[in-house]
Amino acid sequence: MTSIASELKQAVERFYSKHSSLPDSLTGVRLSEDRWSLKEIIGHLIDSASNNHQRFLRLQLTDRLQFPDYRKDNERWLRLERHNELAWSELLALWRSYNLLLAHIIRRLDPESLGHVWVAEEREATLAELASGYLTHLQEHLEHFERRLLELREQGAGGAKGSRA
């Protein structure tokens, strides 16, 4: 789990350094109703961190955990949270801090609990699979963020045409 924790911490710090100065005028732009803003992508990753935080801790306390899967409600969660109304700096700081905590937790997961199983509806995963999957999910959405940022810049959204952060 040490390598997962290290990769997570490095990815978070690299991303934070690269994008902490993006303007609110850019990060809250939705190119269309069905495409998340940059803030919403990070908001989704905060939701993922929050849900996985609970799984990582609870699965060290029991060998089988029934805990809901939030993914089917992604869009509804984003609508309720209204991430675009938050300051980019505050949202990104929360995301960074939460993930540094998760890296700390993952690094110190009880090896005896790595085979403990999370169950949600028809889905099951071990604690080890959840930790690895968390990193993969985060990396996929950071790539999603980079693609969306490029789209926004190409369209001149938020006064960002050609600007670099």
C-alpha atoms as a PDB file:
ATOM      1  CA  MET A   1       0.000   0.000   0.000  1.00  0.00           C
ATOM      2  CA  THR A   2       3.013   2.264   0.389  1.00  0.00           C
ATOM      3  CA  SER A   3       3.414   2.680  -3.369  1.00  0.00           C
ATOM      4  CA  ILE A   4      -0.279   3.554  -3.816  1.00  0.00           C
ATOM      5  CA  ALA A   5      -0.034   6.124  -1.029  1.00  0.00           C
ATOM      6  CA  SER A   6       3.124   7.632  -2.529  1.00  0.00           C
ATOM      7  CA  GLU A   7       1.640   7.802  -6.023  1.00  0.00           C
ATOM      8  CA  LEU A   8      -1.510   9.411  -4.636  1.00  0.00           C
ATOM      9  CA  LYS A   9       0.434  12.044  -2.722  1.00  0.00           C
ATOM     10  CA  GLN A  10       2.653  12.836  -5.718  1.00  0.00           C
ATOM     11  CA  ALA A  11      -0.308  13.128  -8.102  1.00  0.00           C
ATOM     12  CA  VAL A  12      -2.148  15.440  -5.703  1.00  0.00           C
ATOM     13  CA  GLU A  13       0.830  17.708  -5.055  1.00  0.00           C
ATOM     14  CA  ARG A  14       1.732  17.903  -8.754  1.00  0.00           C
ATOM     15  CA  PHE A  15      -1.847  18.759  -9.729  1.00  0.00           C
ATOM     16  CA  TYR A  16      -2.250  21.283  -6.915  1.00  0.00           C
ATOM     17  CA  SER A  17       0.972  23.096  -7.839  1.00  0.00           C
ATOM     18  CA  LYS A  18       0.017  23.205 -11.493  1.00  0.00           C
ATOM     19  CA  HIS A  19      -3.575  24.404 -11.105  1.00  0.00           C
ATOM     20  CA  SER A  20      -3.910  26.316  -7.826  1.00  0.00           C
ATOM     21  CA  SER A  21      -3.807  29.682  -9.601  1.00  0.00           C
ATOM     22  CA  LEU A  22      -6.606  29.032 -12.094  1.00  0.00           C
ATOM     23  CA  PRO A  23      -9.236  31.793 -12.003  1.00  0.00           C
ATOM     24  CA  ASP A  24     -12.791  31.267 -10.752  1.00  0.00           C
ATOM     25  CA  SER A  25     -13.993  32.753 -14.031  1.00  0.00           C
ATOM     26  CA  LEU A  26     -12.624  29.673 -15.795  1.00  0.00           C
ATOM     27  CA  THR A  27     -13.084  26.855 -13.275  1.00  0.00           C
ATOM     28  CA  GLY A  28     -16.848  27.315 -12.935  1.00  0.00           C
ATOM     29  CA  VAL A  29     -17.629  27.285 -16.677  1.00  0.00           C
ATOM     30  CA  ARG A  30     -19.805  24.486 -18.046  1.00  0.00           C
ATOM     31  CA  LEU A  31     -19.406  24.160 -21.810  1.00  0.00           C
ATOM     32  CA  SER A  32     -22.822  22.506 -21.938  1.00  0.00           C
ATOM     33  CA  GLU A  33     -25.406  21.142 -19.546  1.00  0.00           C
ATOM     34  CA  ASP A  34     -24.032  17.605 -19.800  1.00  0.00           C
ATOM     35  CA  ARG A  35     -20.327  18.487 -19.310  1.00  0.00           C
ATOM     36  CA  TRP A  36     -18.933  19.128 -15.856  1.00  0.00           C
ATOM     37  CA  SER A  37     -17.044  22.294 -15.026  1.00  0.00           C
ATOM     38  CA  LEU A  38     -13.526  22.041 -13.622  1.00  0.00           C
ATOM     39  CA  LYS A  39     -14.942  22.742 -10.157  1.00  0.00           C
ATOM     40  CA  GLU A  40     -17.460  19.941 -10.591  1.00  0.00           C
ATOM     41  CA  ILE A  41     -14.740  17.474 -11.583  1.00  0.00           C
ATOM     42  CA  ILE A  42     -12.842  18.309  -8.387  1.00  0.00           C
ATOM     43  CA  GLY A  43     -16.120  18.269  -6.432  1.00  0.00           C
ATOM     44  CA  HIS A  44     -16.753  14.748  -7.712  1.00  0.00           C
ATOM     45  CA  LEU A  45     -13.280  13.758  -6.537  1.00  0.00           C
ATOM     46  CA  ILE A  46     -14.071  15.189  -3.092  1.00  0.00           C
ATOM     47  CA  ASP A  47     -17.202  13.011  -3.035  1.00  0.00           C
ATOM     48  CA  SER A  48     -15.041  10.036  -3.962  1.00  0.00           C
ATOM     49  CA  ALA A  49     -12.565  10.883  -1.203  1.00  0.00           C
ATOM     50  CA  SER A  50     -15.353  11.219   1.339  1.00  0.00           C
ATOM     51  CA  ASN A  51     -16.942   7.890   0.457  1.00  0.00           C
ATOM     52  CA  ASN A  52     -13.643   6.050   0.292  1.00  0.00           C
ATOM     53  CA  HIS A  53     -12.491   7.551   3.587  1.00  0.00           C
ATOM     54  CA  GLN A  54     -15.415   5.783   5.245  1.00  0.00           C
ATOM     55  CA  ARG A  55     -14.718   2.518   3.425  1.00  0.00           C
ATOM     56  CA  PHE A  56     -10.994   2.555   4.230  1.00  0.00           C
ATOM     57  CA  LEU A  57     -11.643   3.011   7.942  1.00  0.00           C
ATOM     58  CA  ARG A  58     -14.728   0.840   8.357  1.00  0.00           C
ATOM     59  CA  LEU A  59     -13.200  -2.090   6.468  1.00  0.00           C
ATOM     60  CA  GLN A  60     -10.357  -2.206   8.969  1.00  0.00           C
ATOM     61  CA  LEU A  61     -12.959  -2.768  11.687  1.00  0.00           C
ATOM     62  CA  THR A  62     -15.025  -5.516  10.054  1.00  0.00           C
ATOM     63  CA  ASP A  63     -14.420  -8.272   7.520  1.00  0.00           C
ATOM     64  CA  ARG A  64     -17.550  -7.469   5.484  1.00  0.00           C
ATOM     65  CA  LEU A  65     -19.155  -4.071   5.074  1.00  0.00           C
ATOM     66  CA  GLN A  66     -22.392  -3.118   3.383  1.00  0.00           C
ATOM     67  CA  PHE A  67     -22.053   0.523   2.433  1.00  0.00           C
ATOM     68  CA  PRO A  68     -23.813   2.342  -0.414  1.00  0.00           C
ATOM     69  CA  ASP A  69     -22.159   3.141  -3.727  1.00  0.00           C
ATOM     70  CA  TYR A  70     -22.516   6.870  -4.430  1.00  0.00           C
ATOM     71  CA  ARG A  71     -21.656   6.649  -8.145  1.00  0.00           C
ATOM     72  CA  LYS A  72     -25.189   6.141  -9.427  1.00  0.00           C
ATOM     73  CA  ASP A  73     -26.108   9.507  -7.895  1.00  0.00           C
ATOM     74  CA  ASN A  74     -23.119  11.534  -9.207  1.00  0.00           C
ATOM     75  CA  GLU A  75     -25.210  14.082 -11.065  1.00  0.00           C
ATOM     76  CA  ARG A  76     -27.668  14.546  -8.220  1.00  0.00           C
ATOM     77  CA  TRP A  77     -24.846  15.018  -5.713  1.00  0.00           C
ATOM     78  CA  LEU A  78     -23.228  17.666  -7.921  1.00  0.00           C
ATOM     79  CA  ARG A  79     -26.518  19.551  -8.286  1.00  0.00           C
ATOM     80  CA  LEU A  80     -27.047  19.551  -4.521  1.00  0.00           C
ATOM     81  CA  GLU A  81     -23.482  20.603  -3.696  1.00  0.00           C
ATOM     82  CA  ARG A  82     -23.321  23.506  -6.175  1.00  0.00           C
ATOM     83  CA  HIS A  83     -19.532  23.454  -6.443  1.00  0.00           C
ATOM     84  CA  ASN A  84     -19.562  26.260  -8.999  1.00  0.00           C
ATOM     85  CA  GLU A  85     -20.661  28.647  -6.237  1.00  0.00           C
ATOM     86  CA  LEU A  86     -17.494  27.962  -4.224  1.00  0.00           C
ATOM     87  CA  ALA A  87     -14.148  29.689  -4.610  1.00  0.00           C
ATOM     88  CA  TRP A  88     -11.701  27.596  -6.633  1.00  0.00           C
ATOM     89  CA  SER A  89      -8.967  28.093  -4.039  1.00  0.00           C
ATOM     90  CA  GLU A  90     -11.162  26.726  -1.228  1.00  0.00           C
ATOM     91  CA  LEU A  91     -12.444  23.767  -3.242  1.00  0.00           C
ATOM     92  CA  LEU A  92      -8.971  22.786  -4.425  1.00  0.00           C
ATOM     93  CA  ALA A  93      -7.511  23.148  -0.908  1.00  0.00           C
ATOM     94  CA  LEU A  94     -10.195  20.820   0.471  1.00  0.00           C
ATOM     95  CA  TRP A  95      -9.513  18.269  -2.280  1.00  0.00           C
ATOM     96  CA  ARG A  96      -5.765  18.437  -1.627  1.00  0.00           C
ATOM     97  CA  SER A  97      -6.091  18.095   2.152  1.00  0.00           C
ATOM     98  CA  TYR A  98      -8.575  15.241   1.942  1.00  0.00           C
ATOM     99  CA  ASN A  99      -6.351  13.292  -0.424  1.00  0.00           C
ATOM    100  CA  LEU A 100      -3.242  13.833   1.683  1.00  0.00           C
ATOM    101  CA  LEU A 101      -5.202  12.366   4.610  1.00  0.00           C
ATOM    102  CA  LEU A 102      -6.232   9.391   2.452  1.00  0.00           C
ATOM    103  CA  ALA A 103      -2.622   8.837   1.369  1.00  0.00           C
ATOM    104  CA  HIS A 104      -1.682   8.739   5.056  1.00  0.00           C
ATOM    105  CA  ILE A 105      -4.480   6.238   5.800  1.00  0.00           C
ATOM    106  CA  ILE A 106      -3.663   4.039   2.800  1.00  0.00           C
ATOM    107  CA  ARG A 107       0.022   3.963   3.747  1.00  0.00           C
ATOM    108  CA  ARG A 108      -0.928   2.627   7.185  1.00  0.00           C
ATOM    109  CA  LEU A 109      -3.761   0.223   6.317  1.00  0.00           C
ATOM    110  CA  ASP A 110      -3.748  -2.843   8.558  1.00  0.00           C
ATOM    111  CA  PRO A 111      -2.337  -5.624   6.348  1.00  0.00           C
ATOM    112  CA  GLU A 112      -4.680  -8.121   8.040  1.00  0.00           C
ATOM    113  CA  SER A 113      -7.689  -6.176   6.744  1.00  0.00           C
ATOM    114  CA  LEU A 114      -6.707  -5.916   3.061  1.00  0.00           C
ATOM    115  CA  GLY A 115      -8.917  -8.886   2.165  1.00  0.00           C
ATOM    116  CA  HIS A 116     -11.974  -7.476   3.956  1.00  0.00           C
ATOM    117  CA  VAL A 117     -14.874  -7.009   1.546  1.00  0.00           C
ATOM    118  CA  TRP A 118     -17.075  -3.995   0.775  1.00  0.00           C
ATOM    119  CA  VAL A 119     -20.511  -4.882  -0.600  1.00  0.00           C
ATOM    120  CA  ALA A 120     -22.849  -2.490  -2.402  1.00  0.00           C
ATOM    121  CA  GLU A 121     -25.847  -3.841  -4.274  1.00  0.00           C
ATOM    122  CA  GLU A 122     -24.316  -6.306  -6.780  1.00  0.00           C
ATOM    123  CA  ARG A 123     -20.746  -5.060  -6.414  1.00  0.00           C
ATOM    124  CA  GLU A 124     -17.977  -6.353  -4.138  1.00  0.00           C
ATOM    125  CA  ALA A 125     -14.353  -5.297  -3.657  1.00  0.00           C
ATOM    126  CA  THR A 126     -11.620  -5.964  -1.133  1.00  0.00           C
ATOM    127  CA  LEU A 127     -10.003  -3.150   0.804  1.00  0.00           C
ATOM    128  CA  ALA A 128      -6.835  -3.632  -1.260  1.00  0.00           C
ATOM    129  CA  GLU A 129      -8.854  -3.346  -4.490  1.00  0.00           C
ATOM    130  CA  LEU A 130     -10.595  -0.211  -3.196  1.00  0.00           C
ATOM    131  CA  ALA A 131      -7.294   1.500  -2.392  1.00  0.00           C
ATOM    132  CA  SER A 132      -5.849   0.675  -5.804  1.00  0.00           C
ATOM    133  CA  GLY A 133      -9.104   1.587  -7.545  1.00  0.00           C
ATOM    134  CA  TYR A 134      -9.231   4.905  -5.711  1.00  0.00           C
ATOM    135  CA  LEU A 135      -5.892   5.951  -7.182  1.00  0.00           C
ATOM    136  CA  THR A 136      -6.954   4.843 -10.670  1.00  0.00           C
ATOM    137  CA  HIS A 137     -10.243   6.745 -10.398  1.00  0.00           C
ATOM    138  CA  LEU A 138      -8.467   9.897  -9.250  1.00  0.00           C
ATOM    139  CA  GLN A 139      -5.950   9.678 -12.100  1.00  0.00           C
ATOM    140  CA  GLU A 140      -8.726   9.192 -14.678  1.00  0.00           C
ATOM    141  CA  HIS A 141     -10.536  12.305 -13.466  1.00  0.00           C
ATOM    142  CA  LEU A 142      -7.344  14.360 -13.364  1.00  0.00           C
ATOM    143  CA  GLU A 143      -6.898  13.456 -17.043  1.00  0.00           C
ATOM    144  CA  HIS A 144     -10.569  14.394 -17.573  1.00  0.00           C
ATOM    145  CA  PHE A 145      -9.781  17.746 -15.908  1.00  0.00           C
ATOM    146  CA  GLU A 146      -6.818  18.357 -18.249  1.00  0.00           C
ATOM    147  CA  ARG A 147      -8.938  17.597 -21.322  1.00  0.00           C
ATOM    148  CA  ARG A 148     -11.708  19.910 -20.106  1.00  0.00           C
ATOM    149  CA  LEU A 149      -9.216  22.681 -19.336  1.00  0.00           C
ATOM    150  CA  LEU A 150      -7.856  22.400 -22.875  1.00  0.00           C
ATOM    151  CA  GLU A 151     -11.395  22.569 -24.295  1.00  0.00           C
ATOM    152  CA  LEU A 152     -12.128  25.670 -22.224  1.00  0.00           C
ATOM    153  CA  ARG A 153      -8.946  27.375 -23.375  1.00  0.00           C
ATOM    154  CA  GLU A 154      -9.613  26.510 -27.007  1.00  0.00           C
ATOM    155  CA  GLN A 155     -13.049  28.085 -26.743  1.00  0.00           C
ATOM    156  CA  GLY A 156     -11.771  31.136 -24.870  1.00  0.00           C
ATOM    157  CA  ALA A 157     -14.021  30.410 -21.887  1.00  0.00           C
ATOM    158  CA  GLY A 158     -13.523  32.553 -18.797  1.00  0.00           C
ATOM    159  CA  GLY A 159     -11.101  34.805 -20.620  1.00  0.00           C
ATOM    160  CA  ALA A 160      -8.589  31.935 -20.816  1.00  0.00           C
ATOM    161  CA  LYS A 161      -7.822  31.673 -24.525  1.00  0.00           C
ATOM    162  CA  GLY A 162      -4.176  30.768 -24.797  1.00  0.00           C
ATOM    163  CA  SER A 163      -3.462  31.402 -21.104  1.00  0.00           C
ATOM    164  CA  ARG A 164      -1.412  28.872 -19.144  1.00  0.00           C
ATOM    165  CA  ALA A 165      -1.716  27.965 -15.510  1.00  0.00           C
END
